[in-house]
Amino acid sequence: MDAQVVDLRAVRADTPAALDRVFLDSAGSSLPPAPVLEAQIGHLRREAEVGGYLAAAERFDDLEAGYGVLAELLGAAPDEIAFSDSATRSWLSAFDAVPLAAGDRVLVTEVEYAGNAVPLLRRAEETGATVEAVPSDAHGQVDVAALRELLDERVKLVSLVHVPTNGGLVNPVAEVAAAAHEVGALVLLDACQSIGQIPVRLHDLGVDVLSGTGRKWLRGPRGTGLLAVRREVLHRLRPRLVDLHSGSWTSPTAYGLRDDARVFELWECSIAAKLGLVEAARYALALGVDTIAAEVGDRAKRLRAGLADLPGVRVHDLGERRCGLVTFTVDGVAAPDVKARLAAEGVTVTTSSVGSTRIDMGRRGLDEVVRASPHYFVSPEQVDQAVEAVSRSGR
């Protein structure tokens, strides 16, 4: 494929469903390309033939190689990579391993996701730590200057969402990480909405831990997640959810834990899903992450511009830097109704409500938005079709 432009015909041939519908929900759960599907189904068939253990043993080398594939994607080393069954599991495992005590402080951004906020608040309640939100700047992204004012030696963790679930902004990760490290705080990056659509590289961003999912922009299977942990901070973490894979029983009264990121893995997993996730990462690498980012950015820009020209439609995206999530409302029509009307015209979108990003949505006076997320396999013509369908949804 061309180094600068995605071969639209080829990627759409790998994604037959993209031909029948205008699929704008890769921020929810994308359409997997044919090689990802084949990797999973092929292994499931093999399990049915010889059993799960033997089938897994046959793919041992491929599974081991998968750590290198994800390391290449995430700008990390293979021993800094762990697999899981979801972005939630990855994030929770890492967060649970951060030591917290009474008087400690955790900083979050105003676009913090509910799936992180609930465990943050619960653990703060249990430990006596506090959770505080860093204000956003005029562009809606985290205000780095305000962050510096809040930082002190009591801050043990900065929880940063790379791309929020309710809009297309991209937070300034490297700047946040640099500031947090000045006071010794760990930085946990939720890259759930960024991996697969823009470059996400552990060491370049300077974060300590990042979590992500397979099912969204990476176009991998549901039930897959990943975690990247900078080896220099592993000794500061205290994983509690460990088993005979992440540790070993060394005597009747003693145990040992792994000294790499796989300490966050559990023994039981879906081998088929894991192979599918590795194949999805290979597919993205073959296209080129920079190329994908350019294509996704082009589709999103086209969609935003088209929606902004429609009477009664308001686009709600913020940020100096924007990516593939596009959020909007239609005057007089509830977001779920817009979603249903578009679905009737063959356009797939979803919605985001205040309960998912309560601080940001409350700050902006929004109860709900329609969320569209065009991937590189969506043609420009399909983006225009979606705009036309939105123009009819308010009638």
Protein backbone atom coordinates (compact mmCIF):
# COMPACT_ATOMS: atom_id res chain seq x y z
CA MET A 1 0.00 0.00 0.00
CA ASP A 2 1.09 3.58 -0.65
CA ALA A 3 3.13 5.08 2.17
CA GLN A 4 1.02 8.24 2.32
CA VAL A 5 -2.49 7.21 1.35
CA VAL A 6 -4.56 4.23 2.45
CA ASP A 7 -5.64 2.01 -0.44
CA LEU A 8 -9.34 2.55 0.11
CA ARG A 9 -10.37 -0.22 -2.27
CA ALA A 10 -8.19 -2.76 -0.47
CA VAL A 11 -9.23 -1.89 3.09
CA ARG A 12 -12.90 -1.80 2.08
CA ALA A 13 -12.51 -5.21 0.46
CA ASP A 14 -11.23 -6.40 3.85
CA THR A 15 -14.29 -4.79 5.47
CA PRO A 16 -17.38 -5.88 3.47
CA ALA A 17 -19.83 -4.38 5.98
CA ALA A 18 -18.39 -0.94 5.20
CA LEU A 19 -19.81 -1.23 1.71
CA ASP A 20 -23.40 -1.68 2.88
CA ARG A 21 -23.59 0.94 5.63
CA VAL A 22 -21.98 4.23 6.53
CA PHE A 23 -20.23 2.98 9.65
CA LEU A 24 -19.34 5.85 11.99
CA ASP A 25 -18.83 4.07 15.30
CA SER A 26 -15.19 3.00 15.45
CA ALA A 27 -14.95 4.87 18.76
CA GLY A 28 -17.45 2.34 20.09
CA SER A 29 -16.60 -0.99 18.51
CA SER A 30 -15.16 -0.93 15.01
CA LEU A 31 -15.50 -3.34 12.12
CA PRO A 32 -12.61 -5.83 12.18
CA PRO A 33 -10.74 -6.46 8.92
CA ALA A 34 -10.91 -9.93 7.40
CA PRO A 35 -7.44 -11.07 8.63
CA VAL A 36 -8.45 -10.36 12.24
CA LEU A 37 -11.65 -12.35 11.84
CA GLU A 38 -9.79 -15.21 10.18
CA ALA A 39 -7.21 -15.33 12.96
CA GLN A 40 -9.90 -15.75 15.59
CA ILE A 41 -12.17 -18.16 13.76
CA GLY A 42 -9.26 -20.28 12.60
CA HIS A 43 -8.03 -20.76 16.14
CA LEU A 44 -11.50 -21.50 17.49
CA ARG A 45 -11.83 -24.22 14.86
CA ARG A 46 -8.46 -25.64 15.90
CA GLU A 47 -9.56 -25.70 19.54
CA ALA A 48 -12.59 -27.72 18.47
CA GLU A 49 -10.29 -30.19 16.70
CA VAL A 50 -7.56 -30.77 19.30
CA GLY A 51 -8.64 -28.96 22.48
CA GLY A 52 -7.71 -25.58 23.89
CA TYR A 53 -4.42 -26.55 25.51
CA LEU A 54 -2.86 -28.22 22.48
CA ALA A 55 -4.17 -25.50 20.16
CA ALA A 56 -2.53 -22.87 22.36
CA ALA A 57 0.74 -24.80 22.51
CA GLU A 58 0.84 -24.93 18.72
CA ARG A 59 0.69 -21.11 18.63
CA PHE A 60 3.21 -20.50 21.44
CA ASP A 61 5.75 -18.80 19.18
CA ASP A 62 3.06 -16.62 17.59
CA LEU A 63 1.75 -15.60 21.00
CA GLU A 64 5.22 -14.72 22.21
CA ALA A 65 5.87 -12.72 19.04
CA GLY A 66 2.71 -10.76 19.79
CA TYR A 67 4.46 -8.88 22.59
CA GLY A 68 6.92 -7.57 20.05
CA VAL A 69 4.15 -6.54 17.68
CA LEU A 70 2.36 -4.51 20.35
CA ALA A 71 5.69 -3.11 21.54
CA GLU A 72 6.36 -1.83 18.04
CA LEU A 73 2.90 -0.27 17.88
CA LEU A 74 3.25 1.41 21.28
CA GLY A 75 6.90 2.44 21.16
CA ALA A 76 7.81 0.17 24.04
CA ALA A 77 9.89 -2.93 24.73
CA PRO A 78 8.27 -6.40 24.64
CA ASP A 79 8.79 -6.85 28.39
CA GLU A 80 6.79 -3.64 28.97
CA ILE A 81 3.66 -5.11 27.34
CA ALA A 82 0.79 -7.04 28.91
CA PHE A 83 -2.42 -8.40 27.40
CA SER A 84 -5.82 -8.36 29.12
CA ASP A 85 -9.48 -8.91 28.34
CA SER A 86 -10.41 -5.21 28.09
CA ALA A 87 -9.21 -1.65 28.49
CA THR A 88 -11.16 -1.58 31.75
CA ARG A 89 -9.26 -4.57 33.12
CA SER A 90 -5.96 -3.04 32.05
CA TRP A 91 -6.71 0.33 33.63
CA LEU A 92 -8.10 -1.15 36.85
CA SER A 93 -5.16 -3.52 37.27
CA ALA A 94 -2.68 -0.68 36.91
CA PHE A 95 -4.60 1.77 39.10
CA ASP A 96 -5.10 -0.83 41.81
CA ALA A 97 -1.33 -1.32 41.91
CA VAL A 98 -0.60 2.35 42.67
CA PRO A 99 0.06 2.71 46.42
CA LEU A 100 -2.31 5.24 48.01
CA ALA A 101 -2.75 6.30 51.63
CA ALA A 102 -4.54 8.94 53.67
CA GLY A 103 -3.53 12.41 52.58
CA ASP A 104 -2.38 11.36 49.13
CA ARG A 105 -3.81 13.21 46.15
CA VAL A 106 -4.91 11.98 42.73
CA LEU A 107 -5.40 14.51 39.94
CA VAL A 108 -7.76 13.93 37.03
CA THR A 109 -8.87 16.04 34.09
CA GLU A 110 -12.34 17.42 33.50
CA VAL A 111 -12.82 14.88 30.69
CA GLU A 112 -12.24 11.93 33.02
CA TYR A 113 -14.31 8.91 32.01
CA ALA A 114 -16.92 7.42 34.35
CA GLY A 115 -15.32 4.00 34.12
CA ASN A 116 -12.23 5.51 35.74
CA ALA A 117 -13.99 7.99 38.01
CA VAL A 118 -16.00 5.38 39.89
CA PRO A 119 -12.98 3.28 40.98
CA LEU A 120 -10.98 6.45 41.66
CA LEU A 121 -13.62 7.77 44.03
CA ARG A 122 -14.20 4.40 45.64
CA ARG A 123 -10.51 3.85 46.36
CA ALA A 124 -10.14 7.40 47.66
CA GLU A 125 -12.99 6.68 50.04
CA GLU A 126 -11.26 3.50 51.23
CA THR A 127 -7.78 4.97 51.64
CA GLY A 128 -8.40 8.55 52.68
CA ALA A 129 -6.83 9.92 49.50
CA THR A 130 -8.50 12.72 47.55
CA VAL A 131 -9.45 13.05 43.88
CA GLU A 132 -9.24 16.53 42.36
CA ALA A 133 -10.00 17.77 38.85
CA VAL A 134 -7.55 19.97 36.98
CA PRO A 135 -9.35 22.80 35.16
CA SER A 136 -9.57 22.84 31.38
CA ASP A 137 -8.15 25.67 29.34
CA ALA A 138 -10.01 27.83 26.84
CA HIS A 139 -9.73 25.05 24.25
CA GLY A 140 -11.29 22.43 26.52
CA GLN A 141 -8.12 20.41 27.04
CA VAL A 142 -6.27 20.08 30.33
CA ASP A 143 -4.71 23.36 31.43
CA VAL A 144 -1.05 22.52 32.02
CA ALA A 145 -0.41 25.79 33.85
CA ALA A 146 -3.28 25.04 36.24
CA LEU A 147 -1.91 21.54 36.70
CA ARG A 148 1.45 22.92 37.78
CA GLU A 149 -0.30 25.07 40.39
CA LEU A 150 -1.97 21.97 41.85
CA LEU A 151 1.06 19.70 41.88
CA ASP A 152 2.95 19.01 45.11
CA GLU A 153 4.68 16.06 46.73
CA ARG A 154 1.35 14.67 47.96
CA VAL A 155 0.20 14.00 44.38
CA LYS A 156 0.86 10.31 43.78
CA LEU A 157 -1.01 9.86 40.52
CA VAL A 158 -2.23 11.89 37.55
CA SER A 159 -4.98 10.07 35.68
CA LEU A 160 -5.05 11.42 32.15
CA VAL A 161 -7.53 10.63 29.37
CA HIS A 162 -5.78 10.97 26.01
CA VAL A 163 -8.95 11.39 23.94
CA PRO A 164 -12.28 11.76 25.80
CA THR A 165 -15.28 9.63 24.97
CA ASN A 166 -17.45 12.69 24.29
CA GLY A 167 -15.41 14.69 21.80
CA GLY A 168 -12.50 14.91 19.45
CA LEU A 169 -9.85 16.77 21.44
CA VAL A 170 -6.40 15.29 22.07
CA ASN A 171 -4.90 16.18 25.44
CA PRO A 172 -1.27 17.40 25.64
CA VAL A 173 0.11 14.23 27.21
CA ALA A 174 3.85 14.88 27.11
CA GLU A 175 3.47 18.26 28.82
CA VAL A 176 1.31 16.76 31.58
CA ALA A 177 3.74 13.87 32.13
CA ALA A 178 6.73 16.19 32.36
CA ALA A 179 5.01 18.37 34.96
CA ALA A 180 3.79 15.41 37.02
CA HIS A 181 7.24 13.83 37.12
CA GLU A 182 8.70 16.99 38.63
CA VAL A 183 6.95 16.07 41.90
CA GLY A 184 7.43 12.32 41.51
CA ALA A 185 3.83 11.51 40.56
CA LEU A 186 2.99 8.57 38.35
CA VAL A 187 1.04 9.21 35.14
CA LEU A 188 -1.59 6.68 34.04
CA LEU A 189 -2.78 7.35 30.49
CA ASP A 190 -6.16 6.10 29.34
CA ALA A 191 -5.43 5.61 25.63
CA CYS A 192 -8.66 3.74 24.96
CA GLN A 193 -9.79 6.20 22.28
CA SER A 194 -6.40 7.00 20.81
CA ILE A 195 -4.62 3.70 20.11
CA GLY A 196 -5.27 2.80 16.49
CA GLN A 197 -6.22 6.25 15.24
CA ILE A 198 -3.22 8.42 16.21
CA PRO A 199 0.37 7.62 17.21
CA VAL A 200 0.57 6.46 20.85
CA ARG A 201 4.12 5.73 22.00
CA LEU A 202 4.87 5.04 25.65
CA HIS A 203 8.33 6.55 25.90
CA ASP A 204 7.75 9.44 23.51
CA LEU A 205 4.73 10.55 25.54
CA GLY A 206 6.65 10.14 28.78
CA VAL A 207 3.83 8.42 30.67
CA ASP A 208 4.45 5.61 33.15
CA VAL A 209 1.53 3.34 32.25
CA LEU A 210 -0.95 3.36 29.40
CA SER A 211 -4.04 1.23 28.85
CA GLY A 212 -6.07 0.55 25.74
CA THR A 213 -8.54 -1.71 24.01
CA GLY A 214 -8.60 -3.80 20.88
CA ARG A 215 -12.19 -3.25 19.82
CA LYS A 216 -12.15 0.44 18.94
CA TRP A 217 -9.79 2.20 16.51
CA LEU A 218 -7.37 -0.73 16.45
CA ARG A 219 -10.16 -2.83 14.86
CA GLY A 220 -9.43 -5.86 17.00
CA PRO A 221 -11.76 -8.23 18.84
CA ARG A 222 -14.05 -7.33 21.69
CA GLY A 223 -12.80 -8.77 24.95
CA THR A 224 -9.21 -7.68 24.37
CA GLY A 225 -7.12 -5.04 26.09
CA LEU A 226 -3.50 -4.04 26.47
CA LEU A 227 -1.26 -2.42 29.01
CA ALA A 228 2.16 -0.84 28.60
CA VAL A 229 4.23 -0.25 31.73
CA ARG A 230 7.54 1.60 31.70
CA ARG A 231 10.03 -0.82 33.25
CA GLU A 232 11.60 1.98 35.31
CA VAL A 233 8.41 2.36 37.39
CA LEU A 234 7.44 -1.27 37.75
CA HIS A 235 9.08 -1.48 41.18
CA ARG A 236 6.80 1.32 42.42
CA LEU A 237 3.64 -0.62 41.62
CA ARG A 238 2.05 -3.27 43.84
CA PRO A 239 -0.16 -5.57 41.71
CA ARG A 240 -2.78 -7.29 43.84
CA LEU A 241 -4.68 -9.34 41.26
CA VAL A 242 -2.03 -11.99 40.68
CA ASP A 243 -2.12 -15.73 40.03
CA LEU A 244 0.16 -18.57 38.90
CA HIS A 245 0.88 -16.77 35.61
CA SER A 246 1.84 -13.42 37.11
CA GLY A 247 3.63 -15.12 39.99
CA SER A 248 4.97 -18.48 41.15
CA TRP A 249 4.51 -20.50 44.34
CA THR A 250 8.10 -20.99 45.46
CA SER A 251 7.53 -22.81 48.78
CA PRO A 252 4.55 -23.73 50.95
CA THR A 253 4.66 -20.24 52.50
CA ALA A 254 6.32 -18.10 49.84
CA TYR A 255 5.74 -16.77 46.34
CA GLY A 256 7.50 -14.67 43.73
CA LEU A 257 6.14 -12.22 41.16
CA ARG A 258 7.28 -11.63 37.61
CA ASP A 259 9.62 -8.70 37.03
CA ASP A 260 8.03 -7.55 33.77
CA ALA A 261 4.68 -6.16 32.66
CA ARG A 262 3.19 -9.65 32.46
CA VAL A 263 2.80 -9.46 36.22
CA PHE A 264 -0.50 -7.76 35.28
CA GLU A 265 -1.71 -10.74 33.25
CA LEU A 266 -3.78 -13.70 34.43
CA TRP A 267 -3.33 -17.27 33.26
CA GLU A 268 -6.75 -17.79 31.71
CA CYS A 269 -7.53 -15.85 28.55
CA SER A 270 -9.06 -16.23 25.12
CA ILE A 271 -6.23 -17.36 22.87
CA ALA A 272 -8.33 -16.69 19.77
CA ALA A 273 -9.02 -13.12 20.89
CA LYS A 274 -5.36 -12.56 21.72
CA LEU A 275 -4.30 -13.77 18.28
CA GLY A 276 -6.93 -11.50 16.76
CA LEU A 277 -5.58 -8.49 18.67
CA VAL A 278 -2.04 -9.19 17.48
CA GLU A 279 -3.30 -9.46 13.91
CA ALA A 280 -5.11 -6.13 14.29
CA ALA A 281 -1.90 -4.50 15.46
CA ARG A 282 -0.02 -5.97 12.49
CA TYR A 283 -2.70 -4.66 10.15
CA ALA A 284 -2.38 -1.15 11.56
CA LEU A 285 1.41 -1.26 11.37
CA ALA A 286 1.26 -2.40 7.75
CA LEU A 287 -0.90 0.59 6.86
CA GLY A 288 1.22 2.94 8.93
CA VAL A 289 -0.06 4.70 12.04
CA ASP A 290 0.80 8.14 10.67
CA THR A 291 -1.08 7.34 7.49
CA ILE A 292 -4.08 6.13 9.47
CA ALA A 293 -4.03 9.31 11.56
CA ALA A 294 -4.01 11.46 8.44
CA GLU A 295 -6.90 9.56 6.86
CA VAL A 296 -9.01 9.57 10.03
CA GLY A 297 -8.30 13.26 10.53
CA ASP A 298 -9.36 13.98 6.97
CA ARG A 299 -12.70 12.15 7.36
CA ALA A 300 -13.43 13.82 10.70
CA LYS A 301 -12.59 17.29 9.36
CA ARG A 302 -14.89 16.72 6.39
CA LEU A 303 -17.68 15.54 8.69
CA ARG A 304 -17.31 18.46 11.11
CA ALA A 305 -17.35 20.98 8.28
CA GLY A 306 -20.42 19.42 6.71
CA LEU A 307 -22.32 19.29 9.99
CA ALA A 308 -21.36 22.86 10.91
CA ASP A 309 -23.03 24.10 7.71
CA LEU A 310 -26.38 22.50 8.58
CA PRO A 311 -29.10 24.70 10.13
CA GLY A 312 -30.05 23.55 13.62
CA VAL A 313 -26.97 21.33 14.01
CA ARG A 314 -24.27 22.22 16.51
CA VAL A 315 -20.85 20.61 16.63
CA HIS A 316 -19.44 20.30 20.16
CA ASP A 317 -15.83 19.25 19.66
CA LEU A 318 -13.11 21.10 21.55
CA GLY A 319 -9.31 21.11 21.63
CA GLU A 320 -6.42 22.71 19.78
CA ARG A 321 -5.64 19.31 18.30
CA ARG A 322 -8.54 17.17 17.13
CA CYS A 323 -8.94 13.59 16.01
CA GLY A 324 -11.58 11.18 14.74
CA LEU A 325 -14.43 11.66 17.24
CA VAL A 326 -17.10 14.12 16.09
CA THR A 327 -19.91 15.11 18.43
CA PHE A 328 -23.00 17.14 17.65
CA THR A 329 -26.63 17.80 18.52
CA VAL A 330 -29.69 18.50 16.41
CA ASP A 331 -32.00 21.20 17.74
CA GLY A 332 -35.28 19.79 19.00
CA VAL A 333 -34.30 16.14 18.57
CA ALA A 334 -32.96 13.95 21.37
CA ALA A 335 -29.62 12.29 20.64
CA PRO A 336 -31.05 8.73 20.78
CA ASP A 337 -33.73 9.76 18.27
CA VAL A 338 -31.08 11.17 15.93
CA LYS A 339 -29.19 7.90 16.23
CA ALA A 340 -32.34 5.91 15.38
CA ARG A 341 -33.23 8.10 12.40
CA LEU A 342 -29.72 7.80 11.00
CA ALA A 343 -29.77 4.03 11.51
CA ALA A 344 -32.92 3.87 9.41
CA GLU A 345 -30.91 5.48 6.60
CA GLY A 346 -28.00 3.08 6.94
CA VAL A 347 -25.75 5.36 9.01
CA THR A 348 -24.32 3.94 12.26
CA VAL A 349 -23.51 6.38 15.07
CA THR A 350 -23.88 6.30 18.83
CA THR A 351 -24.56 8.73 21.66
CA SER A 352 -22.67 9.95 24.74
CA SER A 353 -24.43 11.15 27.89
CA VAL A 354 -23.53 13.27 30.88
CA GLY A 355 -23.07 10.13 32.98
CA SER A 356 -19.98 9.18 30.97
CA THR A 357 -18.07 12.46 31.38
CA ARG A 358 -19.94 14.24 34.11
CA ILE A 359 -17.51 17.07 34.87
CA ASP A 360 -17.00 18.17 31.27
CA MET A 361 -20.59 17.71 30.13
CA GLY A 362 -21.91 19.46 33.23
CA ARG A 363 -19.44 22.31 32.73
CA ARG A 364 -20.71 22.79 29.18
CA GLY A 365 -24.40 22.34 30.00
CA LEU A 366 -24.75 19.24 27.84
CA ASP A 367 -26.92 16.26 28.74
CA GLU A 368 -26.16 14.20 25.65
CA VAL A 369 -24.51 14.35 22.24
CA VAL A 370 -24.51 12.26 19.10
CA ARG A 371 -21.06 10.76 18.48
CA ALA A 372 -19.77 9.85 15.03
CA SER A 373 -16.32 8.35 14.47
CA PRO A 374 -15.30 7.71 10.86
CA HIS A 375 -12.32 5.40 10.32
CA TYR A 376 -10.08 5.24 7.26
CA PHE A 377 -12.30 2.63 5.59
CA VAL A 378 -15.16 5.16 5.35
CA SER A 379 -15.06 6.88 1.97
CA PRO A 380 -15.36 10.66 1.63
CA GLU A 381 -18.58 10.09 -0.29
CA GLN A 382 -19.99 8.17 2.65
CA VAL A 383 -19.14 11.05 4.95
CA ASP A 384 -21.19 13.31 2.68
CA GLN A 385 -24.04 10.80 2.77
CA ALA A 386 -23.98 10.94 6.55
CA VAL A 387 -24.18 14.75 6.51
CA GLU A 388 -27.18 14.56 4.18
CA ALA A 389 -28.86 12.05 6.50
CA VAL A 390 -28.29 14.34 9.51
CA SER A 391 -29.84 17.22 7.57
CA ARG A 392 -33.02 15.13 7.30
CA SER A 393 -32.99 13.92 10.92
CA GLY A 394 -34.32 17.18 12.32
CA ARG A 395 -37.37 17.30 10.10
